[in-house]
PDB file of N, CA and C in Angstrom:
ATOM      1  N   UNK A   1      47.298 112.832  84.288  1.00  0.00           N
ATOM      2  CA  UNK A   1      46.466 113.988  84.540  1.00  0.00           C
ATOM      3  C   UNK A   1      47.284 115.318  84.194  1.00  0.00           C
ATOM      4  N   UNK A   2      48.597 115.217  84.556  1.00  0.00           N
ATOM      5  CA  UNK A   2      49.553 116.381  84.268  1.00  0.00           C
ATOM      6  C   UNK A   2      49.763 116.546  82.799  1.00  0.00           C
ATOM      7  N   UNK A   3      49.787 115.541  82.072  1.00  0.00           N
ATOM      8  CA  UNK A   3      50.102 115.493  80.565  1.00  0.00           C
ATOM      9  C   UNK A   3      49.031 116.183  80.129  1.00  0.00           C
ATOM     10  N   UNK A   4      47.655 115.720  80.376  1.00  0.00           N
ATOM     11  CA  UNK A   4      46.400 116.285  79.807  1.00  0.00           C
ATOM     12  C   UNK A   4      46.306 117.818  80.163  1.00  0.00           C
ATOM     13  N   UNK A   5      46.553 118.237  81.263  1.00  0.00           N
ATOM     14  CA  UNK A   5      46.629 119.690  81.795  1.00  0.00           C
ATOM     15  C   UNK A   5      47.560 120.386  80.899  1.00  0.00           C
ATOM     16  N   UNK A   6      48.732 119.850  80.782  1.00  0.00           N
ATOM     17  CA  UNK A   6      49.863 120.723  80.077  1.00  0.00           C
ATOM     18  C   UNK A   6      49.248 120.652  78.521  1.00  0.00           C
ATOM     19  N   UNK A   7      48.803 119.807  77.974  1.00  0.00           N
ATOM     20  CA  UNK A   7      48.433 119.643  76.667  1.00  0.00           C
ATOM     21  C   UNK A   7      47.285 120.719  76.437  1.00  0.00           C
ATOM     22  N   UNK A   8      46.301 120.764  77.490  1.00  0.00           N
ATOM     23  CA  UNK A   8      45.269 121.595  77.215  1.00  0.00           C
ATOM     24  C   UNK A   8      45.648 122.998  77.519  1.00  0.00           C
ATOM     25  N   UNK A   9      46.470 123.434  78.422  1.00  0.00           N
ATOM     26  CA  UNK A   9      47.133 124.676  78.673  1.00  0.00           C
ATOM     27  C   UNK A   9      48.007 125.148  77.327  1.00  0.00           C
ATOM     28  N   UNK A  10      48.559 124.193  76.725  1.00  0.00           N
ATOM     29  CA  UNK A  10      49.364 124.609  75.405  1.00  0.00           C
ATOM     30  C   UNK A  10      48.656 124.888  74.388  1.00  0.00           C
ATOM     31  N   UNK A  11      47.525 124.057  74.071  1.00  0.00           N
ATOM     32  CA  UNK A  11      46.523 124.254  73.110  1.00  0.00           C
ATOM     33  C   UNK A  11      45.747 125.481  73.146  1.00  0.00           C
ATOM     34  N   UNK A  12      45.151 125.780  74.339  1.00  0.00           N
ATOM     35  CA  UNK A  12      44.357 127.040  74.653  1.00  0.00           C
ATOM     36  C   UNK A  12      45.412 128.235  74.377  1.00  0.00           C
ATOM     37  N   UNK A  13      46.782 128.055  74.975  1.00  0.00           N
ATOM     38  CA  UNK A  13      47.524 129.246  74.865  1.00  0.00           C
ATOM     39  C   UNK A  13      47.786 129.726  73.412  1.00  0.00           C
ATOM     40  N   UNK A  14      48.011 128.552  72.558  1.00  0.00           N
ATOM     41  CA  UNK A  14      48.234 128.927  71.129  1.00  0.00           C
ATOM     42  C   UNK A  14      46.943 129.360  70.390  1.00  0.00           C
ATOM     43  N   UNK A  15      45.871 128.829  70.852  1.00  0.00           N
ATOM     44  CA  UNK A  15      44.610 129.295  70.230  1.00  0.00           C
ATOM     45  C   UNK A  15      44.404 130.826  70.612  1.00  0.00           C
ATOM     46  N   UNK A  16      44.465 131.213  71.794  1.00  0.00           N
ATOM     47  CA  UNK A  16      44.245 132.556  72.309  1.00  0.00           C
ATOM     48  C   UNK A  16      45.457 133.541  71.607  1.00  0.00           C
ATOM     49  N   UNK A  17      46.699 133.168  71.534  1.00  0.00           N
ATOM     50  CA  UNK A  17      47.731 133.825  70.966  1.00  0.00           C
ATOM     51  C   UNK A  17      47.357 134.078  69.478  1.00  0.00           C
ATOM     52  N   UNK A  18      46.641 133.225  68.779  1.00  0.00           N
ATOM     53  CA  UNK A  18      46.415 133.310  67.380  1.00  0.00           C
ATOM     54  C   UNK A  18      45.062 134.011  67.042  1.00  0.00           C
ATOM     55  N   UNK A  19      44.299 133.926  67.846  1.00  0.00           N
ATOM     56  CA  UNK A  19      42.617 134.533  67.683  1.00  0.00           C
ATOM     57  C   UNK A  19      42.783 135.837  68.258  1.00  0.00           C
ATOM     58  N   UNK A  20      43.322 136.198  69.353  1.00  0.00           N
ATOM     59  CA  UNK A  20      43.213 137.411  70.124  1.00  0.00           C
ATOM     60  C   UNK A  20      43.394 138.633  69.238  1.00  0.00           C
ATOM     61  N   UNK A  21      44.619 138.618  68.520  1.00  0.00           N
ATOM     62  CA  UNK A  21      44.785 140.008  67.805  1.00  0.00           C
ATOM     63  C   UNK A  21      43.634 140.097  66.559  1.00  0.00           C
ATOM     64  N   UNK A  22      43.262 138.992  65.854  1.00  0.00           N
ATOM     65  CA  UNK A  22      42.283 139.119  64.939  1.00  0.00           C
ATOM     66  C   UNK A  22      40.910 139.542  65.397  1.00  0.00           C
ATOM     67  N   UNK A  23      40.423 138.892  66.529  1.00  0.00           N
ATOM     68  CA  UNK A  23      39.208 139.204  67.354  1.00  0.00           C
ATOM     69  C   UNK A  23      39.186 140.759  67.777  1.00  0.00           C
ATOM     70  N   UNK A  24      40.541 141.212  68.351  1.00  0.00           N
ATOM     71  CA  UNK A  24      40.505 142.536  68.946  1.00  0.00           C
ATOM     72  C   UNK A  24      40.214 143.560  67.913  1.00  0.00           C
ATOM     73  N   UNK A  25      40.834 143.335  66.715  1.00  0.00           N
ATOM     74  CA  UNK A  25      40.462 144.475  65.665  1.00  0.00           C
ATOM     75  C   UNK A  25      39.383 144.311  64.922  1.00  0.00           C
ATOM     76  N   UNK A  26      38.676 143.077  64.981  1.00  0.00           N
ATOM     77  CA  UNK A  26      37.349 142.882  64.389  1.00  0.00           C
ATOM     78  C   UNK A  26      36.288 143.674  65.012  1.00  0.00           C
ATOM     79  N   UNK A  27      36.439 143.783  66.314  1.00  0.00           N
ATOM     80  CA  UNK A  27      35.403 144.490  67.314  1.00  0.00           C
ATOM     81  C   UNK A  27      35.244 145.889  66.901  1.00  0.00           C
ATOM     82  N   UNK A  28      36.466 146.446  66.455  1.00  0.00           N
ATOM     83  CA  UNK A  28      36.421 147.994  66.048  1.00  0.00           C
ATOM     84  C   UNK A  28      36.309 148.078  64.425  1.00  0.00           C
ATOM     85  N   UNK A  29      35.181 148.656  64.135  1.00  0.00           N
ATOM     86  CA  UNK A  29      35.126 148.761  62.683  1.00  0.00           C
ATOM     87  C   UNK A  29      36.260 149.363  61.840  1.00  0.00           C
ATOM     88  N   UNK A  30      36.734 150.387  62.477  1.00  0.00           N
ATOM     89  CA  UNK A  30      37.731 151.128  61.687  1.00  0.00           C
ATOM     90  C   UNK A  30      39.076 150.342  61.698  1.00  0.00           C
ATOM     91  N   UNK A  31      39.152 149.330  62.420  1.00  0.00           N
ATOM     92  CA  UNK A  31      40.322 148.662  62.572  1.00  0.00           C
ATOM     93  C   UNK A  31      40.339 147.149  61.701  1.00  0.00           C
ATOM     94  N   UNK A  32      39.323 147.048  61.062  1.00  0.00           N
ATOM     95  CA  UNK A  32      39.221 145.842  60.259  1.00  0.00           C
ATOM     96  C   UNK A  32      40.248 145.696  59.061  1.00  0.00           C
ATOM     97  N   UNK A  33      40.973 146.530  58.565  1.00  0.00           N
ATOM     98  CA  UNK A  33      42.105 146.314  57.667  1.00  0.00           C
ATOM     99  C   UNK A  33      43.194 145.655  58.476  1.00  0.00           C
ATOM    100  N   UNK A  34      43.300 146.086  59.814  1.00  0.00           N
ATOM    101  CA  UNK A  34      44.373 145.480  60.533  1.00  0.00           C
ATOM    102  C   UNK A  34      44.002 143.987  60.891  1.00  0.00           C
ATOM    103  N   UNK A  35      42.704 143.814  61.158  1.00  0.00           N
ATOM    104  CA  UNK A  35      42.472 142.397  61.290  1.00  0.00           C
ATOM    105  C   UNK A  35      42.593 141.424  60.095  1.00  0.00           C
ATOM    106  N   UNK A  36      42.370 142.014  59.022  1.00  0.00           N
ATOM    107  CA  UNK A  36      42.790 141.335  57.964  1.00  0.00           C
ATOM    108  C   UNK A  36      44.189 141.043  57.649  1.00  0.00           C
ATOM    109  N   UNK A  37      45.012 142.032  58.074  1.00  0.00           N
ATOM    110  CA  UNK A  37      46.441 141.967  57.874  1.00  0.00           C
ATOM    111  C   UNK A  37      46.986 140.877  58.956  1.00  0.00           C
ATOM    112  N   UNK A  38      46.402 140.778  60.121  1.00  0.00           N
ATOM    113  CA  UNK A  38      46.847 139.800  61.049  1.00  0.00           C
ATOM    114  C   UNK A  38      46.387 138.304  60.551  1.00  0.00           C
ATOM    115  N   UNK A  39      45.108 138.306  60.075  1.00  0.00           N
ATOM    116  CA  UNK A  39      44.636 137.080  59.442  1.00  0.00           C
ATOM    117  C   UNK A  39      45.567 136.508  58.444  1.00  0.00           C
ATOM    118  N   UNK A  40      45.876 137.368  57.466  1.00  0.00           N
ATOM    119  CA  UNK A  40      46.741 137.105  56.417  1.00  0.00           C
ATOM    120  C   UNK A  40      48.217 136.582  56.837  1.00  0.00           C
ATOM    121  N   UNK A  41      48.652 137.305  57.728  1.00  0.00           N
ATOM    122  CA  UNK A  41      49.954 136.870  58.305  1.00  0.00           C
ATOM    123  C   UNK A  41      50.028 135.538  59.116  1.00  0.00           C
ATOM    124  N   UNK A  42      48.887 135.256  59.729  1.00  0.00           N
ATOM    125  CA  UNK A  42      48.811 133.949  60.530  1.00  0.00           C
ATOM    126  C   UNK A  42      48.544 132.759  59.399  1.00  0.00           C
ATOM    127  N   UNK A  43      47.957 133.085  58.338  1.00  0.00           N
ATOM    128  CA  UNK A  43      47.799 132.172  57.337  1.00  0.00           C
ATOM    129  C   UNK A  43      49.087 131.879  56.712  1.00  0.00           C
ATOM    130  N   UNK A  44      49.860 132.945  56.374  1.00  0.00           N
ATOM    131  CA  UNK A  44      51.235 132.604  55.902  1.00  0.00           C
ATOM    132  C   UNK A  44      52.151 131.850  56.974  1.00  0.00           C
ATOM    133  N   UNK A  45      52.047 132.100  58.108  1.00  0.00           N
ATOM    134  CA  UNK A  45      52.985 131.534  59.082  1.00  0.00           C
ATOM    135  C   UNK A  45      52.461 130.001  59.109  1.00  0.00           C
ATOM    136  N   UNK A  46      51.238 129.803  59.260  1.00  0.00           N
ATOM    137  CA  UNK A  46      50.802 128.364  59.298  1.00  0.00           C
ATOM    138  C   UNK A  46      51.222 127.625  57.878  1.00  0.00           C
ATOM    139  N   UNK A  47      51.174 128.162  56.701  1.00  0.00           N
ATOM    140  CA  UNK A  47      51.418 127.625  55.542  1.00  0.00           C
ATOM    141  C   UNK A  47      53.058 127.225  55.528  1.00  0.00           C
ATOM    142  N   UNK A  48      53.928 128.189  55.949  1.00  0.00           N
ATOM    143  CA  UNK A  48      55.334 127.937  55.994  1.00  0.00           C
ATOM    144  C   UNK A  48      55.675 126.921  57.131  1.00  0.00           C
ATOM    145  N   UNK A  49      54.955 127.068  58.152  1.00  0.00           N
ATOM    146  CA  UNK A  49      55.230 126.045  59.328  1.00  0.00           C
ATOM    147  C   UNK A  49      55.094 124.523  58.622  1.00  0.00           C
ATOM    148  N   UNK A  50      54.034 124.347  57.853  1.00  0.00           N
ATOM    149  CA  UNK A  50      53.748 122.967  57.387  1.00  0.00           C
ATOM    150  C   UNK A  50      54.637 122.703  56.373  1.00  0.00           C
ATOM    151  N   UNK A  51      55.115 123.654  55.499  1.00  0.00           N
ATOM    152  CA  UNK A  51      56.206 123.464  54.451  1.00  0.00           C
ATOM    153  C   UNK A  51      57.447 123.119  54.963  1.00  0.00           C
ATOM    154  N   UNK A  52      57.846 123.772  56.116  1.00  0.00           N
ATOM    155  CA  UNK A  52      59.114 123.478  56.862  1.00  0.00           C
ATOM    156  C   UNK A  52      59.143 122.137  57.543  1.00  0.00           C
ATOM    157  N   UNK A  53      57.899 121.605  57.955  1.00  0.00           N
ATOM    158  CA  UNK A  53      57.912 120.367  58.502  1.00  0.00           C
ATOM    159  C   UNK A  53      58.011 119.250  57.575  1.00  0.00           C
ATOM    160  N   UNK A  54      57.374 119.581  56.365  1.00  0.00           N
ATOM    161  CA  UNK A  54      57.704 118.508  55.368  1.00  0.00           C
ATOM    162  C   UNK A  54      58.996 118.520  54.844  1.00  0.00           C
ATOM    163  N   UNK A  55      59.681 119.683  54.669  1.00  0.00           N
ATOM    164  CA  UNK A  55      61.048 119.478  54.154  1.00  0.00           C
ATOM    165  C   UNK A  55      62.117 119.181  55.083  1.00  0.00           C
ATOM    166  N   UNK A  56      62.044 119.530  56.358  1.00  0.00           N
ATOM    167  CA  UNK A  56      62.975 119.337  57.165  1.00  0.00           C
ATOM    168  C   UNK A  56      62.831 117.832  58.030  1.00  0.00           C
ATOM    169  N   UNK A  57      61.663 117.407  58.123  1.00  0.00           N
ATOM    170  CA  UNK A  57      61.027 116.283  58.621  1.00  0.00           C
ATOM    171  C   UNK A  57      62.025 115.457  59.528  1.00  0.00           C
ATOM    172  N   UNK A  58      62.324 116.051  60.715  1.00  0.00           N
ATOM    173  CA  UNK A  58      63.156 115.401  61.653  1.00  0.00           C
ATOM    174  C   UNK A  58      62.386 114.562  62.454  1.00  0.00           C
ATOM    175  N   UNK A  59      62.678 113.231  62.632  1.00  0.00           N
ATOM    176  CA  UNK A  59      61.862 112.289  63.260  1.00  0.00           C
ATOM    177  C   UNK A  59      61.797 112.528  64.692  1.00  0.00           C
ATOM    178  N   UNK A  60      60.684 112.146  65.336  1.00  0.00           N
ATOM    179  CA  UNK A  60      60.466 112.324  66.878  1.00  0.00           C
ATOM    180  C   UNK A  60      61.444 111.396  67.563  1.00  0.00           C
ATOM    181  N   UNK A  61      61.779 111.622  68.828  1.00  0.00           N
ATOM    182  CA  UNK A  61      62.810 110.540  69.513  1.00  0.00           C
ATOM    183  C   UNK A  61      62.213 109.077  69.656  1.00  0.00           C
ATOM    184  N   UNK A  62      60.854 108.982  69.927  1.00  0.00           N
ATOM    185  CA  UNK A  62      60.379 107.816  70.264  1.00  0.00           C
ATOM    186  C   UNK A  62      60.309 106.911  68.955  1.00  0.00           C
ATOM    187  N   UNK A  63      60.282 107.549  67.795  1.00  0.00           N
ATOM    188  CA  UNK A  63      60.445 106.815  66.527  1.00  0.00           C
ATOM    189  C   UNK A  63      61.904 106.316  66.267  1.00  0.00           C
ATOM    190  N   UNK A  64      62.833 106.789  66.862  1.00  0.00           N
ATOM    191  CA  UNK A  64      64.383 106.482  66.665  1.00  0.00           C
ATOM    192  C   UNK A  64      64.934 105.383  67.719  1.00  0.00           C
ATOM    193  N   UNK A  65      64.498 105.716  68.845  1.00  0.00           N
ATOM    194  CA  UNK A  65      65.016 104.911  70.062  1.00  0.00           C
ATOM    195  C   UNK A  65      63.778 104.238  70.771  1.00  0.00           C
ATOM    196  N   UNK A  66      64.028 102.835  70.809  1.00  0.00           N
ATOM    197  CA  UNK A  66      62.817 102.127  71.338  1.00  0.00           C
ATOM    198  C   UNK A  66      62.646 102.341  73.029  1.00  0.00           C
ATOM    199  N   UNK A  67      63.790 102.833  73.502  1.00  0.00           N
ATOM    200  CA  UNK A  67      63.811 103.049  75.130  1.00  0.00           C
ATOM    201  C   UNK A  67      63.086 104.364  75.475  1.00  0.00           C
ATOM    202  N   UNK A  68      62.725 105.229  74.442  1.00  0.00           N
ATOM    203  CA  UNK A  68      61.895 106.453  74.878  1.00  0.00           C
ATOM    204  C   UNK A  68      60.605 106.091  74.703  1.00  0.00           C
ATOM    205  N   UNK A  69      59.871 106.379  75.815  1.00  0.00           N
ATOM    206  CA  UNK A  69      58.378 106.167  75.861  1.00  0.00           C
ATOM    207  C   UNK A  69      57.657 107.363  75.861  1.00  0.00           C
ATOM    208  N   UNK A  70      56.739 107.390  75.091  1.00  0.00           N
ATOM    209  CA  UNK A  70      55.838 108.608  74.682  1.00  0.00           C
ATOM    210  C   UNK A  70      54.453 108.222  75.162  1.00  0.00           C
ATOM    211  N   UNK A  71      53.863 109.075  75.932  1.00  0.00           N
ATOM    212  CA  UNK A  71      52.565 108.965  76.469  1.00  0.00           C
ATOM    213  C   UNK A  71      51.516 109.357  75.486  1.00  0.00           C
ATOM    214  N   UNK A  72      51.500 110.406  74.973  1.00  0.00           N
ATOM    215  CA  UNK A  72      50.708 110.935  74.022  1.00  0.00           C
ATOM    216  C   UNK A  72      51.617 111.823  72.953  1.00  0.00           C
ATOM    217  N   UNK A  73      51.754 111.419  71.823  1.00  0.00           N
ATOM    218  CA  UNK A  73      52.520 112.282  70.703  1.00  0.00           C
ATOM    219  C   UNK A  73      51.839 112.055  69.595  1.00  0.00           C
ATOM    220  N   UNK A  74      51.894 113.276  68.868  1.00  0.00           N
ATOM    221  CA  UNK A  74      51.365 113.319  67.346  1.00  0.00           C
ATOM    222  C   UNK A  74      52.210 112.415  66.480  1.00  0.00           C
ATOM    223  N   UNK A  75      51.577 112.006  65.475  1.00  0.00           N
ATOM    224  CA  UNK A  75      52.216 111.141  64.350  1.00  0.00           C
ATOM    225  C   UNK A  75      53.031 111.895  63.361  1.00  0.00           C
ATOM    226  N   UNK A  76      52.944 113.169  63.520  1.00  0.00           N
ATOM    227  CA  UNK A  76      53.641 114.044  62.500  1.00  0.00           C
ATOM    228  C   UNK A  76      54.977 114.418  63.076  1.00  0.00           C
ATOM    229  N   UNK A  77      55.786 114.899  62.140  1.00  0.00           N
ATOM    230  CA  UNK A  77      57.198 115.179  62.402  1.00  0.00           C
ATOM    231  C   UNK A  77      57.479 116.259  63.533  1.00  0.00           C
ATOM    232  N   UNK A  78      58.451 116.077  64.270  1.00  0.00           N
ATOM    233  CA  UNK A  78      58.600 116.955  65.542  1.00  0.00           C
ATOM    234  C   UNK A  78      59.392 118.341  65.280  1.00  0.00           C
ATOM    235  N   UNK A  79      60.164 118.325  64.281  1.00  0.00           N
ATOM    236  CA  UNK A  79      60.854 119.643  64.202  1.00  0.00           C
ATOM    237  C   UNK A  79      60.675 120.082  62.752  1.00  0.00           C
ATOM    238  N   UNK A  80      60.809 121.449  62.570  1.00  0.00           N
ATOM    239  CA  UNK A  80      60.673 122.478  63.627  1.00  0.00           C
ATOM    240  C   UNK A  80      59.380 122.538  64.278  1.00  0.00           C
ATOM    241  N   UNK A  81      59.569 123.305  65.446  1.00  0.00           N
ATOM    242  CA  UNK A  81      58.516 123.286  66.424  1.00  0.00           C
ATOM    243  C   UNK A  81      57.257 124.194  65.807  1.00  0.00           C
ATOM    244  N   UNK A  82      56.145 123.853  65.725  1.00  0.00           N
ATOM    245  CA  UNK A  82      55.022 124.727  65.239  1.00  0.00           C
ATOM    246  C   UNK A  82      54.665 125.678  66.210  1.00  0.00           C
ATOM    247  N   UNK A  83      54.649 125.345  67.608  1.00  0.00           N
ATOM    248  CA  UNK A  83      54.528 126.334  68.564  1.00  0.00           C
ATOM    249  C   UNK A  83      55.661 127.411  68.599  1.00  0.00           C
ATOM    250  N   UNK A  84      56.894 127.141  68.282  1.00  0.00           N
ATOM    251  CA  UNK A  84      57.674 128.238  68.267  1.00  0.00           C
ATOM    252  C   UNK A  84      57.829 129.083  66.991  1.00  0.00           C
ATOM    253  N   UNK A  85      57.459 128.391  65.837  1.00  0.00           N
ATOM    254  CA  UNK A  85      57.304 129.251  64.640  1.00  0.00           C
ATOM    255  C   UNK A  85      56.100 130.076  64.687  1.00  0.00           C
ATOM    256  N   UNK A  86      54.833 129.581  65.366  1.00  0.00           N
ATOM    257  CA  UNK A  86      53.836 130.446  65.398  1.00  0.00           C
ATOM    258  C   UNK A  86      53.948 131.578  66.429  1.00  0.00           C
ATOM    259  N   UNK A  87      54.532 131.407  67.553  1.00  0.00           N
ATOM    260  CA  UNK A  87      54.938 132.304  68.329  1.00  0.00           C
ATOM    261  C   UNK A  87      55.837 133.465  67.914  1.00  0.00           C
ATOM    262  N   UNK A  88      56.863 133.133  67.172  1.00  0.00           N
ATOM    263  CA  UNK A  88      57.756 134.013  66.524  1.00  0.00           C
ATOM    264  C   UNK A  88      57.019 134.800  65.463  1.00  0.00           C
ATOM    265  N   UNK A  89      56.145 134.183  64.784  1.00  0.00           N
ATOM    266  CA  UNK A  89      55.506 134.901  63.608  1.00  0.00           C
ATOM    267  C   UNK A  89      54.366 135.895  64.245  1.00  0.00           C
ATOM    268  N   UNK A  90      53.687 135.564  65.350  1.00  0.00           N
ATOM    269  CA  UNK A  90      52.711 136.510  65.938  1.00  0.00           C
ATOM    270  C   UNK A  90      53.531 137.765  66.584  1.00  0.00           C
ATOM    271  N   UNK A  91      54.510 137.257  67.324  1.00  0.00           N
ATOM    272  CA  UNK A  91      55.479 138.451  68.059  1.00  0.00           C
ATOM    273  C   UNK A  91      55.957 139.235  67.010  1.00  0.00           C
ATOM    274  N   UNK A  92      56.496 138.796  65.783  1.00  0.00           N
ATOM    275  CA  UNK A  92      57.102 139.805  64.783  1.00  0.00           C
ATOM    276  C   UNK A  92      55.809 140.596  64.152  1.00  0.00           C
ATOM    277  N   UNK A  93      54.736 139.959  64.029  1.00  0.00           N
ATOM    278  CA  UNK A  93      53.661 140.667  63.316  1.00  0.00           C
ATOM    279  C   UNK A  93      53.377 141.949  64.314  1.00  0.00           C
ATOM    280  N   UNK A  94      53.104 141.668  65.490  1.00  0.00           N
ATOM    281  CA  UNK A  94      52.751 142.789  66.451  1.00  0.00           C
ATOM    282  C   UNK A  94      53.772 143.550  66.564  1.00  0.00           C
ATOM    283  N   UNK A  95      55.033 143.330  66.680  1.00  0.00           N
ATOM    284  CA  UNK A  95      55.939 144.202  66.642  1.00  0.00           C
ATOM    285  C   UNK A  95      56.157 145.235  65.401  1.00  0.00           C
ATOM    286  N   UNK A  96      55.849 144.543  64.251  1.00  0.00           N
ATOM    287  CA  UNK A  96      55.942 145.272  62.924  1.00  0.00           C
ATOM    288  C   UNK A  96      54.754 146.235  62.946  1.00  0.00           C
ATOM    289  N   UNK A  97      53.490 145.750  63.368  1.00  0.00           N
ATOM    290  CA  UNK A  97      52.439 146.543  63.448  1.00  0.00           C
ATOM    291  C   UNK A  97      52.587 147.769  64.361  1.00  0.00           C
ATOM    292  N   UNK A  98      53.136 147.511  65.455  1.00  0.00           N
ATOM    293  CA  UNK A  98      53.299 148.540  66.391  1.00  0.00           C
ATOM    294  C   UNK A  98      54.289 149.483  65.940  1.00  0.00           C
ATOM    295  N   UNK A  99      55.447 149.144  65.303  1.00  0.00           N
ATOM    296  CA  UNK A  99      56.309 150.022  64.727  1.00  0.00           C
ATOM    297  C   UNK A  99      55.681 150.825  63.534  1.00  0.00           C
ATOM    298  N   UNK A 100      54.807 150.353  62.909  1.00  0.00           N
ATOM    299  CA  UNK A 100      54.288 151.154  61.841  1.00  0.00           C
ATOM    300  C   UNK A 100      53.233 152.004  62.342  1.00  0.00           C
ATOM    301  N   UNK A 101      52.413 151.748  63.336  1.00  0.00           N
ATOM    302  CA  UNK A 101      51.762 152.592  63.876  1.00  0.00           C
ATOM    303  C   UNK A 101      52.424 153.842  64.693  1.00  0.00           C
ATOM    304  N   UNK A 102      53.629 153.521  65.314  1.00  0.00           N
ATOM    305  CA  UNK A 102      54.444 154.714  66.077  1.00  0.00           C
ATOM    306  C   UNK A 102      54.803 155.590  64.877  1.00  0.00           C
ATOM    307  N   UNK A 103      55.332 155.059  63.927  1.00  0.00           N
ATOM    308  CA  UNK A 103      56.139 155.935  62.903  1.00  0.00           C
ATOM    309  C   UNK A 103      55.144 156.691  62.059  1.00  0.00           C
ATOM    310  N   UNK A 104      53.864 156.093  61.955  1.00  0.00           N
ATOM    311  CA  UNK A 104      53.036 156.910  61.106  1.00  0.00           C
ATOM    312  C   UNK A 104      52.352 158.079  61.993  1.00  0.00           C
ATOM    313  N   UNK A 105      52.307 157.955  63.259  1.00  0.00           N
ATOM    314  CA  UNK A 105      51.781 159.059  64.200  1.00  0.00           C
ATOM    315  C   UNK A 105      52.772 159.982  64.641  1.00  0.00           C
TER     316      UNK A 105
END
């Protein structure tokens, strides 16, 4: 039960973090170019995340050591972390957008 709740929390958090900026700017007509900017950056972040996973392809611990028991784990490579890359990409995008807004006004 705890694992399912944590997985749900993690998935919902990632979805909210990726969709919220785009949705926020889509609601305001004059901010639609910013929404497109966020959507483009997120697409690039997800693209590079998949490329890095394919290039780096560090195996998950339960693939290497039979003593490690995984309750539920994806069948894809574990590192680099997609959650970490997405969080960094979103935070950097918001920071760059904010700095652009502040220096423009």
